[in-house]
Amino acid sequence: MSRKYLFVVSILIVIALFATACQPAEEEAATGGAGQGELVQRIKDRGSVVCGSRTDLAGFGELDANGRNVGFDIDFCRALAAALLGDPEAVEFVPLSAAERGPALQTGEVDVLSRNATWTSTRDAQWGNFTAVWFYDGQGYMVPVASGITEIEQLDGATVCVTSGTTTELNLADSFNQRGLDFTAVTFEDTATVYSTYEEGRCDASTSDKSQLASVRQGFANPDDHVILDITISKEPLTPAVPSGDDQWFDIVKVVVWGLINAEELGVTQSNVEQMKSSDNIKVRRLLGSEGEWGQSDLGLPADAIAQAVTAVGNYGEIYERHIGSGGLNIPRGPNSLWTEGGLIYAPPMR
């Protein structure tokens, strides 16, 4: 074998090895991925959590009279910042349309998505990591009272306003096709346009998660002229989601959800956190970081991470009542009650 041939082969091997070594980094850059703890460290270095959110849906994410972003999903972002950074205001909110949610996670534009995102198997495979159910919902239909419509079959041939790029759009098709009904979907990426179009009478019905329909109807000029049908066509578990790649961050987001739920179950509220740190109940003391461990040191969180979160925004029930319950949309908790009260809200023990 000639020296020249050996030299060429050696060069090709070196190039191949270099390309292989560089490939993971290039793929990571393309997908916004991060290794174990890298995203957590970036958040700490930046001093804020970048939260994909919304500003257009009362109860979940909207701007108040002072231009402050408030809502059920918004409070979770503040709880997360309080737990990790000790400051509930250390959040950068990035308003996203429904269609922008997946790409924002995939590219790492946001650290966490807390914006009415339904957890599905396809999204879990493509978007990132979905964490823990934050709100149980189901899709329904809203129609004008004057239409006299009470069931889906009466919508045969109807035009239906729906937000594009959502599971809502897919469920709408399933709902009609399964029954052999015809419909015309009138789609918009912007949620506000969907409902203004419906309210103007350019659609026979609109469809979305029932909580969203209730929120939007509340803002209509004549809310009582519209009714949400007593029909649920889908399961809509809504949950915060994070980019793939950093299991530490994935676990932190989950544990903050669980901490807020456990706080409600154990009677820890925004007003009694300090008092409860010396509770007779070991579960309470452990949750609030005054005794023992629930994994906070492994996750790089301060001992009082959950205490900080509850102090900032309250426990799960307080957040719900403030925005979705009696203080907001006035939607009964139903499946979003604690498991001890017949609901589906259940979290692993903090220990």
Protein backbone atom coordinates (compact mmCIF):
# COMPACT_ATOMS: atom_id res chain seq x y z
CA MET A 1 0.00 0.00 0.00
CA SER A 2 1.48 3.36 -1.06
CA ARG A 3 2.26 6.13 1.38
CA LYS A 4 0.07 8.45 -0.65
CA TYR A 5 -2.90 6.09 -0.29
CA LEU A 6 -2.34 5.72 3.46
CA PHE A 7 -2.14 9.48 3.82
CA VAL A 8 -5.48 9.99 2.01
CA VAL A 9 -7.18 7.27 4.08
CA SER A 10 -5.86 8.83 7.30
CA ILE A 11 -7.21 12.25 6.32
CA LEU A 12 -10.64 10.78 5.54
CA ILE A 13 -10.75 9.00 8.92
CA VAL A 14 -9.87 12.21 10.77
CA ILE A 15 -12.58 14.12 8.90
CA ALA A 16 -15.15 11.42 9.68
CA LEU A 17 -14.26 11.39 13.37
CA PHE A 18 -14.43 15.18 13.54
CA ALA A 19 -17.84 15.23 11.86
CA THR A 20 -19.17 12.58 14.24
CA ALA A 21 -17.91 14.47 17.26
CA CYS A 22 -19.50 17.71 16.09
CA GLN A 23 -22.86 16.21 15.14
CA PRO A 24 -24.49 16.13 18.61
CA ALA A 25 -23.61 19.76 19.24
CA GLU A 26 -25.00 20.79 15.85
CA GLU A 27 -28.21 18.84 16.44
CA GLU A 28 -28.53 20.39 19.88
CA ALA A 29 -28.14 23.87 18.47
CA ALA A 30 -30.79 23.12 15.85
CA THR A 31 -33.34 21.86 18.36
CA GLY A 32 -32.60 24.14 21.27
CA GLY A 33 -31.75 21.12 23.42
CA ALA A 34 -29.58 21.20 26.52
CA GLY A 35 -27.73 18.64 28.56
CA GLN A 36 -28.39 17.75 32.18
CA GLY A 37 -28.51 20.95 34.21
CA GLU A 38 -27.43 23.22 31.32
CA LEU A 39 -30.81 24.91 30.94
CA VAL A 40 -31.11 25.34 34.70
CA GLN A 41 -27.69 26.99 34.78
CA ARG A 42 -28.61 29.28 31.88
CA ILE A 43 -31.73 30.37 33.74
CA LYS A 44 -29.71 31.08 36.90
CA ASP A 45 -27.06 32.98 34.94
CA ARG A 46 -29.74 35.00 33.14
CA GLY A 47 -31.59 35.64 36.38
CA SER A 48 -35.04 34.98 34.92
CA VAL A 49 -37.33 32.28 33.56
CA VAL A 50 -38.51 32.77 29.97
CA CYS A 51 -42.15 31.71 29.94
CA GLY A 52 -44.20 31.13 26.79
CA SER A 53 -47.60 32.61 27.63
CA ARG A 54 -50.54 34.60 26.32
CA THR A 55 -52.17 37.96 26.95
CA ASP A 56 -55.58 37.46 25.34
CA LEU A 57 -57.56 34.99 27.45
CA ALA A 58 -59.23 36.08 30.68
CA GLY A 59 -58.60 33.71 33.56
CA PHE A 60 -55.55 32.07 32.02
CA GLY A 61 -53.36 34.84 30.64
CA GLU A 62 -54.31 38.46 30.05
CA LEU A 63 -53.15 42.02 30.74
CA ASP A 64 -54.82 43.80 33.63
CA ALA A 65 -55.62 47.52 33.78
CA ASN A 66 -52.00 48.25 34.66
CA GLY A 67 -50.61 46.20 31.78
CA ARG A 68 -49.47 43.41 34.10
CA ASN A 69 -49.72 39.85 32.80
CA VAL A 70 -52.05 37.89 35.09
CA GLY A 71 -53.86 34.56 35.06
CA PHE A 72 -53.89 30.93 36.10
CA ASP A 73 -51.03 29.94 33.76
CA ILE A 74 -49.15 33.15 34.50
CA ASP A 75 -49.14 32.45 38.24
CA PHE A 76 -47.46 29.13 37.59
CA CYS A 77 -44.57 30.88 35.85
CA ARG A 78 -44.21 33.20 38.84
CA ALA A 79 -44.29 30.22 41.23
CA LEU A 80 -41.53 28.59 39.20
CA ALA A 81 -39.36 31.71 39.32
CA ALA A 82 -39.94 32.02 43.08
CA ALA A 83 -38.95 28.39 43.65
CA LEU A 84 -35.76 28.48 41.57
CA LEU A 85 -34.65 32.11 41.80
CA GLY A 86 -36.38 33.35 44.95
CA ASP A 87 -38.17 36.09 43.01
CA PRO A 88 -41.66 35.65 41.47
CA GLU A 89 -41.07 38.69 39.27
CA ALA A 90 -37.96 37.15 37.65
CA VAL A 91 -39.99 36.09 34.61
CA GLU A 92 -39.81 37.17 30.98
CA PHE A 93 -43.21 36.52 29.39
CA VAL A 94 -43.22 35.73 25.67
CA PRO A 95 -46.76 35.90 24.21
CA LEU A 96 -47.30 33.06 21.73
CA SER A 97 -50.08 32.21 19.31
CA ALA A 98 -51.38 28.64 19.32
CA ALA A 99 -49.32 27.80 16.22
CA GLU A 100 -46.14 29.24 17.76
CA ARG A 101 -46.18 27.04 20.88
CA GLY A 102 -44.49 23.94 19.46
CA PRO A 103 -41.72 25.76 17.56
CA ALA A 104 -40.96 27.93 20.61
CA LEU A 105 -40.30 24.78 22.64
CA GLN A 106 -38.42 22.96 19.90
CA THR A 107 -36.00 25.83 19.34
CA GLY A 108 -35.56 26.63 23.02
CA GLU A 109 -36.99 30.13 22.57
CA VAL A 110 -38.79 29.64 25.89
CA ASP A 111 -37.72 27.77 29.03
CA VAL A 112 -41.27 26.69 29.80
CA LEU A 113 -44.58 26.81 27.99
CA SER A 114 -47.52 27.67 30.26
CA ARG A 115 -50.26 28.50 27.79
CA ASN A 116 -53.30 26.21 27.52
CA ALA A 117 -51.33 23.40 25.92
CA THR A 118 -53.07 20.03 25.67
CA TRP A 119 -50.81 17.07 26.35
CA THR A 120 -51.03 14.60 23.46
CA SER A 121 -48.81 11.70 22.43
CA THR A 122 -47.73 13.44 19.21
CA ARG A 123 -46.86 16.69 20.95
CA ASP A 124 -44.94 14.81 23.61
CA ALA A 125 -42.90 13.18 20.84
CA GLN A 126 -42.38 16.33 18.78
CA TRP A 127 -42.55 19.46 20.93
CA GLY A 128 -40.66 18.66 24.12
CA ASN A 129 -41.45 17.24 27.56
CA PHE A 130 -44.89 17.69 29.07
CA THR A 131 -44.76 17.82 32.84
CA ALA A 132 -47.80 17.38 35.11
CA VAL A 133 -51.47 18.14 34.47
CA TRP A 134 -52.26 21.67 35.62
CA PHE A 135 -55.89 21.80 34.47
CA TYR A 136 -58.37 19.19 33.22
CA ASP A 137 -60.63 20.43 30.45
CA GLY A 138 -62.72 19.17 27.53
CA GLN A 139 -63.72 20.59 24.17
CA GLY A 140 -67.22 21.83 23.51
CA TYR A 141 -69.32 24.07 21.29
CA MET A 142 -70.80 27.53 21.73
CA VAL A 143 -73.83 28.61 19.70
CA PRO A 144 -76.28 31.52 19.70
CA VAL A 145 -79.23 30.88 22.02
CA ALA A 146 -81.55 31.96 19.21
CA SER A 147 -80.37 29.05 17.07
CA GLY A 148 -82.17 26.56 19.31
CA ILE A 149 -79.28 24.11 18.84
CA THR A 150 -78.78 21.62 21.67
CA GLU A 151 -76.84 18.77 20.04
CA ILE A 152 -74.11 18.23 17.46
CA GLU A 153 -76.43 16.63 14.90
CA GLN A 154 -78.23 19.95 14.55
CA LEU A 155 -74.96 21.48 13.35
CA ASP A 156 -74.93 19.41 10.14
CA GLY A 157 -73.74 21.70 7.34
CA ALA A 158 -72.72 24.44 9.79
CA THR A 159 -69.78 26.81 9.61
CA VAL A 160 -67.64 26.54 12.74
CA CYS A 161 -65.06 29.09 13.89
CA VAL A 162 -61.89 27.48 15.29
CA THR A 163 -58.28 28.37 16.05
CA SER A 164 -55.80 26.86 13.60
CA GLY A 165 -52.79 24.82 14.74
CA THR A 166 -54.65 23.32 17.70
CA THR A 167 -56.01 19.96 18.84
CA THR A 168 -59.35 21.80 18.76
CA GLU A 169 -59.24 21.89 14.96
CA LEU A 170 -58.49 18.15 14.78
CA ASN A 171 -61.18 17.24 17.31
CA LEU A 172 -63.72 19.30 15.39
CA ALA A 173 -63.09 17.20 12.28
CA ASP A 174 -63.30 13.95 14.27
CA SER A 175 -66.53 15.04 15.94
CA PHE A 176 -68.31 15.68 12.64
CA ASN A 177 -66.75 12.93 10.54
CA GLN A 178 -67.54 10.29 13.16
CA ARG A 179 -71.21 11.23 12.85
CA GLY A 180 -71.21 11.58 9.06
CA LEU A 181 -71.96 15.29 9.30
CA ASP A 182 -70.81 18.08 7.01
CA PHE A 183 -69.20 21.30 8.23
CA THR A 184 -67.03 24.16 7.07
CA ALA A 185 -64.18 25.20 9.35
CA VAL A 186 -63.45 28.92 9.47
CA THR A 187 -59.92 29.08 10.84
CA PHE A 188 -57.75 31.87 12.20
CA GLU A 189 -54.41 31.70 13.98
CA ASP A 190 -55.39 34.58 16.27
CA THR A 191 -57.85 33.51 18.97
CA ALA A 192 -59.42 36.98 19.25
CA THR A 193 -60.26 36.92 15.54
CA VAL A 194 -61.90 33.50 15.89
CA TYR A 195 -64.37 34.78 18.45
CA SER A 196 -64.98 38.22 16.98
CA THR A 197 -65.88 36.45 13.74
CA TYR A 198 -68.29 34.17 15.60
CA GLU A 199 -69.80 37.03 17.62
CA GLU A 200 -70.43 38.94 14.38
CA GLY A 201 -72.56 36.00 13.21
CA ARG A 202 -70.24 34.84 10.46
CA CYS A 203 -70.10 31.33 11.95
CA ASP A 204 -72.94 29.16 13.19
CA ALA A 205 -70.84 27.91 16.12
CA SER A 206 -67.43 28.15 17.70
CA THR A 207 -65.46 25.39 19.37
CA SER A 208 -62.63 25.19 21.88
CA ASP A 209 -61.91 24.00 25.42
CA LYS A 210 -64.98 24.73 27.52
CA SER A 211 -62.99 26.93 29.90
CA GLN A 212 -61.88 29.06 26.96
CA LEU A 213 -65.42 29.32 25.65
CA ALA A 214 -66.59 30.47 29.10
CA SER A 215 -63.79 33.02 29.26
CA VAL A 216 -64.50 34.44 25.83
CA ARG A 217 -68.28 34.53 26.27
CA GLN A 218 -67.79 36.61 29.41
CA GLY A 219 -66.24 39.34 27.24
CA PHE A 220 -69.03 39.42 24.63
CA ALA A 221 -71.29 42.44 24.37
CA ASN A 222 -74.29 40.20 25.17
CA PRO A 223 -73.00 37.04 26.90
CA ASP A 224 -76.51 35.70 27.60
CA ASP A 225 -77.17 35.51 23.87
CA HIS A 226 -74.76 32.58 23.64
CA VAL A 227 -74.76 29.15 25.23
CA ILE A 228 -72.09 26.50 25.70
CA LEU A 229 -73.67 23.17 24.82
CA ASP A 230 -73.74 20.44 27.43
CA ILE A 231 -71.49 18.30 25.24
CA THR A 232 -67.84 17.32 25.73
CA ILE A 233 -66.10 15.80 22.71
CA SER A 234 -62.53 15.35 23.95
CA LYS A 235 -60.08 15.03 26.81
CA GLU A 236 -57.94 18.13 27.21
CA PRO A 237 -55.29 17.72 29.93
CA LEU A 238 -53.49 21.08 30.01
CA THR A 239 -49.94 21.09 31.31
CA PRO A 240 -46.76 23.15 31.33
CA ALA A 241 -44.12 21.83 28.92
CA VAL A 242 -40.35 22.28 28.64
CA PRO A 243 -37.76 21.78 25.87
CA SER A 244 -36.23 18.33 25.63
CA GLY A 245 -32.75 17.62 26.93
CA ASP A 246 -32.46 18.84 30.52
CA ASP A 247 -34.00 16.34 32.94
CA GLN A 248 -33.12 18.54 35.90
CA TRP A 249 -35.27 21.37 34.58
CA PHE A 250 -38.01 18.89 33.60
CA ASP A 251 -38.06 17.59 37.20
CA ILE A 252 -38.03 21.09 38.70
CA VAL A 253 -41.10 22.14 36.73
CA LYS A 254 -42.95 18.96 37.71
CA VAL A 255 -42.07 19.29 41.37
CA VAL A 256 -43.33 22.87 41.55
CA VAL A 257 -46.71 21.71 40.19
CA TRP A 258 -46.73 18.91 42.77
CA GLY A 259 -45.66 21.25 45.56
CA LEU A 260 -48.55 23.66 44.93
CA ILE A 261 -51.03 20.77 44.89
CA ASN A 262 -49.60 19.20 48.05
CA ALA A 263 -49.70 22.59 49.74
CA GLU A 264 -53.45 22.80 49.20
CA GLU A 265 -53.93 19.23 50.37
CA LEU A 266 -51.95 19.95 53.56
CA GLY A 267 -53.65 23.28 54.29
CA VAL A 268 -50.64 25.49 53.50
CA THR A 269 -51.80 28.86 52.16
CA GLN A 270 -50.23 32.09 51.03
CA SER A 271 -51.04 33.69 54.38
CA ASN A 272 -49.90 30.92 56.75
CA VAL A 273 -46.63 29.68 55.18
CA GLU A 274 -44.37 31.00 57.92
CA GLN A 275 -46.62 29.68 60.68
CA MET A 276 -46.87 26.26 59.03
CA LYS A 277 -43.09 25.85 58.91
CA SER A 278 -43.32 24.82 62.56
CA SER A 279 -46.41 22.64 62.09
CA ASP A 280 -46.85 19.43 64.08
CA ASN A 281 -47.26 17.62 60.76
CA ILE A 282 -43.93 16.28 59.47
CA LYS A 283 -45.29 16.30 55.90
CA VAL A 284 -45.89 20.04 56.15
CA ARG A 285 -42.47 20.77 57.64
CA ARG A 286 -40.80 18.67 54.93
CA LEU A 287 -42.77 20.38 52.14
CA LEU A 288 -41.77 23.83 53.40
CA GLY A 289 -38.12 22.93 53.88
CA SER A 290 -37.94 23.27 57.64
CA GLU A 291 -37.12 19.60 58.12
CA GLY A 292 -35.92 16.71 55.97
CA GLU A 293 -35.69 16.37 52.20
CA TRP A 294 -38.04 15.92 49.29
CA GLY A 295 -35.27 16.00 46.69
CA GLN A 296 -34.65 19.74 46.57
CA SER A 297 -30.89 19.47 47.04
CA ASP A 298 -30.65 16.95 44.19
CA LEU A 299 -32.49 19.39 41.94
CA GLY A 300 -30.38 22.39 42.92
CA LEU A 301 -33.32 24.10 44.62
CA PRO A 302 -33.23 25.92 47.96
CA ALA A 303 -34.71 24.05 50.91
CA ASP A 304 -37.69 26.43 51.03
CA ALA A 305 -38.43 26.38 47.28
CA ILE A 306 -42.08 25.39 47.68
CA ALA A 307 -42.52 27.80 50.59
CA GLN A 308 -41.27 30.56 48.28
CA ALA A 309 -43.68 29.51 45.53
CA VAL A 310 -46.72 29.40 47.83
CA THR A 311 -45.77 32.72 49.42
CA ALA A 312 -45.65 34.24 45.95
CA VAL A 313 -48.92 33.00 44.46
CA GLY A 314 -50.70 30.71 46.94
CA ASN A 315 -51.44 27.00 46.71
CA TYR A 316 -53.15 25.33 43.74
CA GLY A 317 -56.65 25.98 45.08
CA GLU A 318 -55.93 29.64 45.78
CA ILE A 319 -54.59 30.15 42.26
CA TYR A 320 -57.66 28.42 40.81
CA GLU A 321 -60.15 30.45 42.84
CA ARG A 322 -58.39 33.73 42.02
CA HIS A 323 -58.55 33.28 38.27
CA ILE A 324 -60.89 30.44 37.29
CA GLY A 325 -63.22 30.12 40.30
CA SER A 326 -65.25 32.66 42.24
CA GLY A 327 -62.68 35.43 41.81
CA GLY A 328 -62.50 35.08 38.05
CA LEU A 329 -64.46 33.06 35.50
CA ASN A 330 -66.70 31.47 38.17
CA ILE A 331 -66.17 27.96 36.77
CA PRO A 332 -66.74 25.25 39.42
CA ARG A 333 -63.66 23.14 40.07
CA GLY A 334 -65.25 19.86 39.02
CA PRO A 335 -62.45 17.53 37.87
CA ASN A 336 -59.94 20.13 39.04
CA SER A 337 -60.86 19.48 42.66
CA LEU A 338 -58.38 17.61 44.84
CA TRP A 339 -58.58 13.83 44.72
CA THR A 340 -59.68 13.94 48.37
CA GLU A 341 -62.76 15.86 47.23
CA GLY A 342 -63.67 13.64 44.29
CA GLY A 343 -61.55 15.40 41.67
CA LEU A 344 -58.57 14.41 39.53
CA ILE A 345 -55.96 16.73 41.04
CA TYR A 346 -53.42 14.40 42.61
CA ALA A 347 -49.70 14.77 43.15
CA PRO A 348 -46.94 12.39 44.27
CA PRO A 349 -45.88 12.77 47.91
CA MET A 350 -43.11 15.23 48.66
CA ARG A 351 -40.53 13.11 50.42
